[in-house]
Amino acid sequence: VPLVESGGGLVQPGGSLKLSCAASGFAVNSIDMSWHRQAPGKERELVARIKKFDEETDYAADVLGRFTISRDNARNTVDLQMNRLKPEDTAVYYCARGAFIYDIWGQGTQVTVSS
């Protein structure tokens, strides 16, 4: 399986989680990568992306300042550090290969923010 997400779970509002996306068959530092999420009844949306050449990152407006996307080249993962979580962050989170066009998706990991 080329992309496998982990790190999801149940967390209280205001808490933190770190998601990891482990890649196999390619190096995460060789290509753009992104995180997305899909809440019940909603379309999948881009959360964050990190570009290959300049490490430029982009974030959805409602996660800017709370979430951080990064690469761990030693582990060949793309991570999403999520802080100050809100109930509206509840969703299945997916990583994908690509920043604008996505050719490989992970299976997703559930994040639930609830007291």
C-alpha atoms as a PDB file:
ATOM      1  CA  VAL A   1       0.000   0.000   0.000  1.00  0.00           C
ATOM      2  CA  PRO A   2       1.705   3.190  -1.121  1.00  0.00           C
ATOM      3  CA  LEU A   3       0.272   5.510   1.558  1.00  0.00           C
ATOM      4  CA  VAL A   4      -0.817   4.565   5.055  1.00  0.00           C
ATOM      5  CA  GLU A   5      -2.139   7.107   7.561  1.00  0.00           C
ATOM      6  CA  SER A   6      -1.962   6.711  11.323  1.00  0.00           C
ATOM      7  CA  GLY A   7      -2.395   8.762  14.461  1.00  0.00           C
ATOM      8  CA  GLY A   8      -6.099   9.461  14.426  1.00  0.00           C
ATOM      9  CA  GLY A   9      -8.327   9.070  17.439  1.00  0.00           C
ATOM     10  CA  LEU A  10     -10.607  10.778  19.917  1.00  0.00           C
ATOM     11  CA  VAL A  11      -9.425  14.036  21.468  1.00  0.00           C
ATOM     12  CA  GLN A  12     -11.078  16.747  23.535  1.00  0.00           C
ATOM     13  CA  PRO A  13     -11.554  20.250  22.155  1.00  0.00           C
ATOM     14  CA  GLY A  14      -8.364  22.215  22.545  1.00  0.00           C
ATOM     15  CA  GLY A  15      -6.231  19.101  22.375  1.00  0.00           C
ATOM     16  CA  SER A  16      -3.613  17.968  19.877  1.00  0.00           C
ATOM     17  CA  LEU A  17      -2.983  15.045  17.569  1.00  0.00           C
ATOM     18  CA  LYS A  18      -0.204  14.226  15.145  1.00  0.00           C
ATOM     19  CA  LEU A  19      -1.075  12.317  12.011  1.00  0.00           C
ATOM     20  CA  SER A  20       1.534  10.475   9.978  1.00  0.00           C
ATOM     21  CA  CYS A  21       1.402   9.293   6.397  1.00  0.00           C
ATOM     22  CA  ALA A  22       3.926   6.579   5.642  1.00  0.00           C
ATOM     23  CA  ALA A  23       4.894   6.236   2.010  1.00  0.00           C
ATOM     24  CA  SER A  24       6.299   3.194   0.287  1.00  0.00           C
ATOM     25  CA  GLY A  25       7.625   2.895  -3.223  1.00  0.00           C
ATOM     26  CA  PHE A  26       8.672   6.504  -3.479  1.00  0.00           C
ATOM     27  CA  ALA A  27      10.413   9.165  -1.391  1.00  0.00           C
ATOM     28  CA  VAL A  28       8.189  11.847   0.144  1.00  0.00           C
ATOM     29  CA  ASN A  29      10.906  14.425  -0.425  1.00  0.00           C
ATOM     30  CA  SER A  30      10.768  13.783  -4.176  1.00  0.00           C
ATOM     31  CA  ILE A  31       7.245  15.015  -4.758  1.00  0.00           C
ATOM     32  CA  ASP A  32       4.528  17.354  -3.526  1.00  0.00           C
ATOM     33  CA  MET A  33       2.312  15.906  -0.797  1.00  0.00           C
ATOM     34  CA  SER A  34      -0.934  16.954   0.838  1.00  0.00           C
ATOM     35  CA  TRP A  35      -3.444  16.227   3.585  1.00  0.00           C
ATOM     36  CA  HIS A  36      -7.200  16.334   3.079  1.00  0.00           C
ATOM     37  CA  ARG A  37     -10.261  15.627   5.194  1.00  0.00           C
ATOM     38  CA  GLN A  38     -13.851  14.635   4.706  1.00  0.00           C
ATOM     39  CA  ALA A  39     -16.501  15.255   7.328  1.00  0.00           C
ATOM     40  CA  PRO A  40     -19.822  13.379   7.308  1.00  0.00           C
ATOM     41  CA  GLY A  41     -22.106  14.749   4.631  1.00  0.00           C
ATOM     42  CA  LYS A  42     -19.430  17.024   3.209  1.00  0.00           C
ATOM     43  CA  GLU A  43     -17.048  16.903   0.302  1.00  0.00           C
ATOM     44  CA  ARG A  44     -13.399  16.103   0.751  1.00  0.00           C
ATOM     45  CA  GLU A  45     -11.345  19.257   1.215  1.00  0.00           C
ATOM     46  CA  LEU A  46      -7.700  20.192   1.129  1.00  0.00           C
ATOM     47  CA  VAL A  47      -6.227  20.839   4.573  1.00  0.00           C
ATOM     48  CA  ALA A  48      -2.554  21.416   3.829  1.00  0.00           C
ATOM     49  CA  ARG A  49       0.086  20.785   1.197  1.00  0.00           C
ATOM     50  CA  ILE A  50       3.847  20.865   1.036  1.00  0.00           C
ATOM     51  CA  LYS A  51       5.702  21.398  -2.204  1.00  0.00           C
ATOM     52  CA  LYS A  52       8.793  19.568  -3.318  1.00  0.00           C
ATOM     53  CA  PHE A  53      11.260  22.188  -4.427  1.00  0.00           C
ATOM     54  CA  ASP A  54      10.970  25.011  -1.951  1.00  0.00           C
ATOM     55  CA  GLU A  55       9.158  23.328   0.913  1.00  0.00           C
ATOM     56  CA  GLU A  56       6.419  25.937   0.548  1.00  0.00           C
ATOM     57  CA  THR A  57       3.338  25.076   2.543  1.00  0.00           C
ATOM     58  CA  ASP A  58      -0.290  26.110   2.119  1.00  0.00           C
ATOM     59  CA  TYR A  59      -3.173  25.690   4.529  1.00  0.00           C
ATOM     60  CA  ALA A  60      -6.928  25.915   4.465  1.00  0.00           C
ATOM     61  CA  ALA A  61      -8.056  29.130   6.104  1.00  0.00           C
ATOM     62  CA  ASP A  62      -9.730  27.420   9.042  1.00  0.00           C
ATOM     63  CA  VAL A  63      -6.633  25.463  10.063  1.00  0.00           C
ATOM     64  CA  LEU A  64      -3.996  28.140   9.452  1.00  0.00           C
ATOM     65  CA  GLY A  65      -2.024  28.737  12.616  1.00  0.00           C
ATOM     66  CA  ARG A  66      -3.259  25.519  14.222  1.00  0.00           C
ATOM     67  CA  PHE A  67      -2.021  22.790  11.853  1.00  0.00           C
ATOM     68  CA  THR A  68       1.498  22.197  10.542  1.00  0.00           C
ATOM     69  CA  ILE A  69       2.460  19.918   7.669  1.00  0.00           C
ATOM     70  CA  SER A  70       6.007  18.599   7.499  1.00  0.00           C
ATOM     71  CA  ARG A  71       8.152  15.857   6.072  1.00  0.00           C
ATOM     72  CA  ASP A  72      10.253  13.370   7.998  1.00  0.00           C
ATOM     73  CA  ASN A  73      12.688  12.137   5.385  1.00  0.00           C
ATOM     74  CA  ALA A  74      14.290   9.569   7.691  1.00  0.00           C
ATOM     75  CA  ARG A  75      10.932   7.889   8.284  1.00  0.00           C
ATOM     76  CA  ASN A  76       9.644   8.707   4.779  1.00  0.00           C
ATOM     77  CA  THR A  77       6.480  10.216   6.208  1.00  0.00           C
ATOM     78  CA  VAL A  78       4.452  13.363   5.797  1.00  0.00           C
ATOM     79  CA  ASP A  79       3.073  14.483   9.128  1.00  0.00           C
ATOM     80  CA  LEU A  80       0.242  16.762  10.162  1.00  0.00           C
ATOM     81  CA  GLN A  81       0.539  18.286  13.607  1.00  0.00           C
ATOM     82  CA  MET A  82      -2.897  19.467  14.712  1.00  0.00           C
ATOM     83  CA  ASN A  83      -3.195  21.790  17.708  1.00  0.00           C
ATOM     84  CA  ARG A  84      -6.112  23.580  19.356  1.00  0.00           C
ATOM     85  CA  LEU A  85      -8.506  21.109  17.804  1.00  0.00           C
ATOM     86  CA  LYS A  86     -12.163  22.015  17.438  1.00  0.00           C
ATOM     87  CA  PRO A  87     -15.270  19.832  17.074  1.00  0.00           C
ATOM     88  CA  GLU A  88     -15.542  21.010  13.477  1.00  0.00           C
ATOM     89  CA  ASP A  89     -12.176  19.373  12.754  1.00  0.00           C
ATOM     90  CA  THR A  90     -13.884  15.993  13.133  1.00  0.00           C
ATOM     91  CA  ALA A  91     -13.411  14.100   9.876  1.00  0.00           C
ATOM     92  CA  VAL A  92     -11.597  11.295   8.151  1.00  0.00           C
ATOM     93  CA  TYR A  93      -8.158  12.590   7.241  1.00  0.00           C
ATOM     94  CA  TYR A  94      -6.414  11.411   4.084  1.00  0.00           C
ATOM     95  CA  CYS A  95      -2.956  11.969   2.731  1.00  0.00           C
ATOM     96  CA  ALA A  96      -2.357  12.156  -0.993  1.00  0.00           C
ATOM     97  CA  ARG A  97       0.537  12.308  -3.376  1.00  0.00           C
ATOM     98  CA  GLY A  98       0.460  15.626  -5.156  1.00  0.00           C
ATOM     99  CA  ALA A  99      -0.336  19.226  -4.316  1.00  0.00           C
ATOM    100  CA  PHE A 100      -2.930  20.055  -6.978  1.00  0.00           C
ATOM    101  CA  ILE A 101      -3.445  16.782  -8.831  1.00  0.00           C
ATOM    102  CA  TYR A 102      -3.569  13.683  -6.646  1.00  0.00           C
ATOM    103  CA  ASP A 103      -2.665  10.270  -8.032  1.00  0.00           C
ATOM    104  CA  ILE A 104      -2.395   8.185  -4.871  1.00  0.00           C
ATOM    105  CA  TRP A 105      -4.575   8.334  -1.734  1.00  0.00           C
ATOM    106  CA  GLY A 106      -4.280   6.687   1.615  1.00  0.00           C
ATOM    107  CA  GLN A 107      -7.141   4.831   3.256  1.00  0.00           C
ATOM    108  CA  GLY A 108      -7.781   7.571   5.809  1.00  0.00           C
ATOM    109  CA  THR A 109      -7.676   7.896   9.576  1.00  0.00           C
ATOM    110  CA  GLN A 110     -10.571   9.060  11.741  1.00  0.00           C
ATOM    111  CA  VAL A 111     -10.171  12.148  13.909  1.00  0.00           C
ATOM    112  CA  THR A 112     -12.963  12.885  16.376  1.00  0.00           C
ATOM    113  CA  VAL A 113     -12.929  16.030  18.497  1.00  0.00           C
ATOM    114  CA  SER A 114     -15.458  15.777  21.273  1.00  0.00           C
ATOM    115  CA  SER A 115     -15.824  16.247  24.988  1.00  0.00           C
END
